[in-house]
C-alpha atoms as a PDB file:
ATOM      1  CA  MET A   1      -5.165  37.756 -12.243  1.00  0.00           C
ATOM      2  CA  GLU A   2      -3.790  39.657  -9.276  1.00  0.00           C
ATOM      3  CA  ASN A   3      -5.453  43.055  -9.627  1.00  0.00           C
ATOM      4  CA  TYR A   4      -9.179  42.846  -8.870  1.00  0.00           C
ATOM      5  CA  THR A   5      -9.960  46.566  -8.854  1.00  0.00           C
ATOM      6  CA  MET A   6     -12.641  47.719 -11.258  1.00  0.00           C
ATOM      7  CA  GLU A   7     -10.856  51.013 -11.987  1.00  0.00           C
ATOM      8  CA  GLY A   8     -10.947  51.570 -15.764  1.00  0.00           C
ATOM      9  CA  ARG A   9     -12.608  48.185 -16.429  1.00  0.00           C
ATOM     10  CA  THR A  10     -16.306  48.958 -16.169  1.00  0.00           C
ATOM     11  CA  TYR A  11     -18.428  52.001 -16.985  1.00  0.00           C
ATOM     12  CA  ARG A  12     -19.018  52.612 -13.275  1.00  0.00           C
ATOM     13  CA  TYR A  13     -15.353  53.470 -12.692  1.00  0.00           C
ATOM     14  CA  TYR A  14     -14.257  55.186 -15.925  1.00  0.00           C
ATOM     15  CA  GLY A  15     -13.607  58.473 -14.152  1.00  0.00           C
ATOM     16  CA  GLN A  16     -13.991  61.381 -16.560  1.00  0.00           C
ATOM     17  CA  GLU A  17     -14.295  59.250 -19.701  1.00  0.00           C
ATOM     18  CA  ALA A  18     -17.932  58.682 -20.642  1.00  0.00           C
ATOM     19  CA  PRO A  19     -19.097  55.290 -21.965  1.00  0.00           C
ATOM     20  CA  LEU A  20     -19.903  55.146 -25.685  1.00  0.00           C
ATOM     21  CA  TYR A  21     -23.518  53.971 -25.173  1.00  0.00           C
ATOM     22  CA  PRO A  22     -24.674  54.748 -21.598  1.00  0.00           C
ATOM     23  CA  PHE A  23     -28.001  53.701 -20.092  1.00  0.00           C
ATOM     24  CA  GLY A  24     -30.819  55.704 -21.634  1.00  0.00           C
ATOM     25  CA  TYR A  25     -28.993  56.306 -24.906  1.00  0.00           C
ATOM     26  CA  GLY A  26     -31.358  56.453 -27.850  1.00  0.00           C
ATOM     27  CA  LEU A  27     -34.308  58.223 -29.357  1.00  0.00           C
ATOM     28  CA  SER A  28     -38.026  58.359 -28.648  1.00  0.00           C
ATOM     29  CA  TYR A  29     -41.112  59.130 -30.713  1.00  0.00           C
ATOM     30  CA  THR A  30     -42.148  61.780 -28.210  1.00  0.00           C
ATOM     31  CA  THR A  31     -40.722  64.096 -25.558  1.00  0.00           C
ATOM     32  CA  PHE A  32     -40.915  63.826 -21.786  1.00  0.00           C
ATOM     33  CA  ARG A  33     -40.547  66.340 -19.014  1.00  0.00           C
ATOM     34  CA  TYR A  34     -39.546  65.516 -15.444  1.00  0.00           C
ATOM     35  CA  ARG A  35     -40.524  67.727 -12.515  1.00  0.00           C
ATOM     36  CA  ASP A  36     -41.235  67.805  -8.803  1.00  0.00           C
ATOM     37  CA  LEU A  37     -38.476  65.485  -7.578  1.00  0.00           C
ATOM     38  CA  VAL A  38     -39.116  65.020  -3.842  1.00  0.00           C
ATOM     39  CA  LEU A  39     -36.893  63.131  -1.385  1.00  0.00           C
ATOM     40  CA  SER A  40     -38.387  62.192   1.952  1.00  0.00           C
ATOM     41  CA  PRO A  41     -37.018  62.684   4.460  1.00  0.00           C
ATOM     42  CA  PRO A  42     -34.249  65.029   3.264  1.00  0.00           C
ATOM     43  CA  VAL A  43     -32.235  64.108   6.379  1.00  0.00           C
ATOM     44  CA  LEU A  44     -32.392  60.470   7.455  1.00  0.00           C
ATOM     45  CA  PRO A  45     -30.706  58.190  10.002  1.00  0.00           C
ATOM     46  CA  VAL A  46     -27.977  55.878   8.738  1.00  0.00           C
ATOM     47  CA  CYS A  47     -30.255  52.789   8.782  1.00  0.00           C
ATOM     48  CA  ALA A  48     -33.311  54.355   7.102  1.00  0.00           C
ATOM     49  CA  ASN A  49     -34.707  54.013   3.579  1.00  0.00           C
ATOM     50  CA  LEU A  50     -35.311  57.038   1.352  1.00  0.00           C
ATOM     51  CA  SER A  51     -38.689  57.661  -0.318  1.00  0.00           C
ATOM     52  CA  VAL A  52     -38.601  59.330  -3.739  1.00  0.00           C
ATOM     53  CA  SER A  53     -41.336  60.744  -5.935  1.00  0.00           C
ATOM     54  CA  VAL A  54     -41.126  62.393  -9.342  1.00  0.00           C
ATOM     55  CA  VAL A  55     -43.652  63.537 -11.924  1.00  0.00           C
ATOM     56  CA  LEU A  56     -43.198  62.408 -15.541  1.00  0.00           C
ATOM     57  CA  GLU A  57     -45.122  64.243 -18.259  1.00  0.00           C
ATOM     58  CA  ASN A  58     -45.443  63.202 -21.912  1.00  0.00           C
ATOM     59  CA  THR A  59     -45.188  66.581 -23.675  1.00  0.00           C
ATOM     60  CA  GLY A  60     -45.284  65.117 -27.170  1.00  0.00           C
ATOM     61  CA  LEU A  61     -48.040  64.117 -29.578  1.00  0.00           C
ATOM     62  CA  ARG A  62     -47.692  60.323 -29.276  1.00  0.00           C
ATOM     63  CA  ASP A  63     -48.362  57.812 -26.537  1.00  0.00           C
ATOM     64  CA  SER A  64     -45.058  56.306 -25.500  1.00  0.00           C
ATOM     65  CA  GLU A  65     -43.024  54.581 -22.821  1.00  0.00           C
ATOM     66  CA  GLU A  66     -40.133  55.999 -20.832  1.00  0.00           C
ATOM     67  CA  VAL A  67     -37.621  54.189 -18.651  1.00  0.00           C
ATOM     68  CA  VAL A  68     -37.291  56.328 -15.541  1.00  0.00           C
ATOM     69  CA  GLN A  69     -33.874  55.853 -13.931  1.00  0.00           C
ATOM     70  CA  LEU A  70     -32.622  56.784 -10.464  1.00  0.00           C
ATOM     71  CA  TYR A  71     -28.905  57.164  -9.790  1.00  0.00           C
ATOM     72  CA  LEU A  72     -27.125  57.719  -6.491  1.00  0.00           C
ATOM     73  CA  ARG A  73     -23.860  59.615  -6.005  1.00  0.00           C
ATOM     74  CA  TRP A  74     -21.827  59.622  -2.819  1.00  0.00           C
ATOM     75  CA  GLU A  75     -20.409  63.110  -2.254  1.00  0.00           C
ATOM     76  CA  GLN A  76     -17.684  61.790   0.072  1.00  0.00           C
ATOM     77  CA  SER A  77     -16.868  58.203   0.885  1.00  0.00           C
ATOM     78  CA  SER A  78     -14.087  56.548   2.851  1.00  0.00           C
ATOM     79  CA  VAL A  79     -13.481  54.080  -0.016  1.00  0.00           C
ATOM     80  CA  PRO A  80     -13.584  54.366  -3.831  1.00  0.00           C
ATOM     81  CA  VAL A  81     -17.153  54.283  -5.153  1.00  0.00           C
ATOM     82  CA  PRO A  82     -18.699  54.590  -8.618  1.00  0.00           C
ATOM     83  CA  ARG A  83     -19.234  58.054 -10.089  1.00  0.00           C
ATOM     84  CA  TRP A  84     -22.948  57.212  -9.710  1.00  0.00           C
ATOM     85  CA  GLN A  85     -24.881  53.994  -9.286  1.00  0.00           C
ATOM     86  CA  LEU A  86     -28.205  52.926 -10.764  1.00  0.00           C
ATOM     87  CA  VAL A  87     -30.483  52.243  -7.774  1.00  0.00           C
ATOM     88  CA  ALA A  88     -33.921  51.972  -9.410  1.00  0.00           C
ATOM     89  CA  PHE A  89     -35.658  52.034 -12.774  1.00  0.00           C
ATOM     90  CA  ARG A  90     -39.159  51.552 -14.104  1.00  0.00           C
ATOM     91  CA  ARG A  91     -40.657  51.429 -17.602  1.00  0.00           C
ATOM     92  CA  VAL A  92     -43.767  53.615 -17.654  1.00  0.00           C
ATOM     93  CA  ALA A  93     -46.376  54.056 -20.387  1.00  0.00           C
ATOM     94  CA  VAL A  94     -47.653  57.651 -20.567  1.00  0.00           C
ATOM     95  CA  LEU A  95     -50.395  58.857 -22.891  1.00  0.00           C
ATOM     96  CA  ALA A  96     -49.685  61.956 -24.986  1.00  0.00           C
ATOM     97  CA  GLY A  97     -50.317  65.132 -23.000  1.00  0.00           C
ATOM     98  CA  ARG A  98     -50.706  63.240 -19.693  1.00  0.00           C
ATOM     99  CA  GLU A  99     -48.534  62.882 -16.620  1.00  0.00           C
ATOM    100  CA  VAL A 100     -47.889  60.264 -13.944  1.00  0.00           C
ATOM    101  CA  LYS A 101     -46.456  60.545 -10.472  1.00  0.00           C
ATOM    102  CA  LEU A 102     -44.003  57.767  -9.671  1.00  0.00           C
ATOM    103  CA  PHE A 103     -42.863  56.534  -6.266  1.00  0.00           C
ATOM    104  CA  PHE A 104     -39.602  54.715  -5.494  1.00  0.00           C
ATOM    105  CA  GLN A 105     -37.723  53.481  -2.424  1.00  0.00           C
ATOM    106  CA  VAL A 106     -33.940  53.715  -2.182  1.00  0.00           C
ATOM    107  CA  LEU A 107     -33.090  50.988   0.293  1.00  0.00           C
ATOM    108  CA  THR A 108     -30.436  51.247   2.957  1.00  0.00           C
ATOM    109  CA  GLU A 109     -28.399  48.475   1.277  1.00  0.00           C
ATOM    110  CA  GLN A 110     -28.079  50.578  -1.868  1.00  0.00           C
ATOM    111  CA  ARG A 111     -26.067  53.186   0.052  1.00  0.00           C
ATOM    112  CA  ALA A 112     -23.650  50.614   1.484  1.00  0.00           C
ATOM    113  CA  VAL A 113     -19.968  50.698   0.512  1.00  0.00           C
ATOM    114  CA  TRP A 114     -17.503  47.813   0.563  1.00  0.00           C
ATOM    115  CA  ALA A 115     -14.742  48.320   3.151  1.00  0.00           C
ATOM    116  CA  GLN A 116     -13.828  44.699   4.074  1.00  0.00           C
ATOM    117  CA  ASP A 117     -17.566  44.317   4.764  1.00  0.00           C
ATOM    118  CA  TRP A 118     -20.680  46.222   3.685  1.00  0.00           C
ATOM    119  CA  ARG A 119     -20.795  49.475   5.636  1.00  0.00           C
ATOM    120  CA  LEU A 120     -23.186  52.394   5.856  1.00  0.00           C
ATOM    121  CA  GLU A 121     -21.653  55.837   6.178  1.00  0.00           C
ATOM    122  CA  PRO A 122     -23.154  59.192   7.076  1.00  0.00           C
ATOM    123  CA  GLY A 123     -22.739  62.082   4.672  1.00  0.00           C
ATOM    124  CA  THR A 124     -24.280  63.928   1.778  1.00  0.00           C
ATOM    125  CA  PHE A 125     -25.673  62.148  -1.273  1.00  0.00           C
ATOM    126  CA  THR A 126     -27.142  63.293  -4.575  1.00  0.00           C
ATOM    127  CA  LEU A 127     -30.021  61.456  -6.203  1.00  0.00           C
ATOM    128  CA  PHE A 128     -30.631  61.855  -9.949  1.00  0.00           C
ATOM    129  CA  ALA A 129     -33.932  61.042 -11.682  1.00  0.00           C
ATOM    130  CA  GLY A 130     -34.481  61.068 -15.436  1.00  0.00           C
ATOM    131  CA  GLY A 131     -34.556  59.171 -18.685  1.00  0.00           C
ATOM    132  CA  GLN A 132     -30.775  58.808 -18.890  1.00  0.00           C
ATOM    133  CA  GLN A 133     -27.574  58.903 -16.867  1.00  0.00           C
ATOM    134  CA  PRO A 134     -26.493  62.208 -15.337  1.00  0.00           C
ATOM    135  CA  GLY A 135     -24.346  64.354 -17.630  1.00  0.00           C
ATOM    136  CA  GLN A 136     -25.101  62.287 -20.722  1.00  0.00           C
ATOM    137  CA  LYS A 137     -24.778  63.936 -24.129  1.00  0.00           C
ATOM    138  CA  THR A 138     -27.425  62.706 -26.576  1.00  0.00           C
ATOM    139  CA  ARG A 139     -29.075  63.962 -29.737  1.00  0.00           C
ATOM    140  CA  ALA A 140     -32.515  63.623 -28.150  1.00  0.00           C
ATOM    141  CA  PRO A 141     -33.116  65.952 -25.213  1.00  0.00           C
ATOM    142  CA  SER A 142     -33.945  64.369 -21.896  1.00  0.00           C
ATOM    143  CA  GLU A 143     -33.904  65.947 -18.490  1.00  0.00           C
ATOM    144  CA  VAL A 144     -32.170  64.655 -15.420  1.00  0.00           C
ATOM    145  CA  LEU A 145     -33.272  66.192 -12.136  1.00  0.00           C
ATOM    146  CA  SER A 146     -31.151  66.083  -9.006  1.00  0.00           C
ATOM    147  CA  ALA A 147     -31.688  66.589  -5.284  1.00  0.00           C
ATOM    148  CA  ARG A 148     -29.447  66.173  -2.265  1.00  0.00           C
ATOM    149  CA  PHE A 149     -30.109  64.398   0.985  1.00  0.00           C
ATOM    150  CA  SER A 150     -28.087  63.806   4.129  1.00  0.00           C
ATOM    151  CA  VAL A 151     -27.518  60.737   6.242  1.00  0.00           C
ATOM    152  CA  THR A 152     -26.802  61.255   9.944  1.00  0.00           C
ATOM    153  CA  GLY A 153     -25.314  58.994  12.589  1.00  0.00           C
ATOM    154  CA  THR A 154     -22.104  57.017  12.762  1.00  0.00           C
ATOM    155  CA  ALA A 155     -20.656  54.580  10.244  1.00  0.00           C
ATOM    156  CA  ARG A 156     -21.702  51.007  10.965  1.00  0.00           C
ATOM    157  CA  PRO A 157     -21.819  47.565   9.346  1.00  0.00           C
ATOM    158  CA  LEU A 158     -24.892  47.033   7.186  1.00  0.00           C
ATOM    159  CA  ARG A 159     -25.732  43.798   9.020  1.00  0.00           C
ATOM    160  CA  THR A 160     -26.380  45.763  12.251  1.00  0.00           C
ATOM    161  CA  CYS A 161     -29.317  47.685  10.798  1.00  0.00           C
END
């Protein structure tokens, strides 16, 4: 094999074509609502981690579990990157009519891109939080929230942070 690119070979690089069964595909016995997605800080230095919180509410009549998923999208990168990348997930049990506030960390390494070595780049990023991938078409409704954050500084190798 001489061509090692992942273009067209894995769901992460399909371009405009959606995978047949993406993460979060399926049905639930209840409904969930996501709200209050907060990124802190909204502007961070190139070597800093991002703190994320989101509220998940079970709006249905049954106790159930939801797999909360966080995806990261690079708005501009010097090298090809996935359309979005799963950076965190957690299975959460929520009683009917109740809500939970969840906290996540998006680590510096998760923003690194491969350019002959792992590099961190400044720029604008979008973080998605929900019960499925962004833009997914399913029969069961599920929200995906999004928020932007910025990374400042100069590009540098990950190992220098």
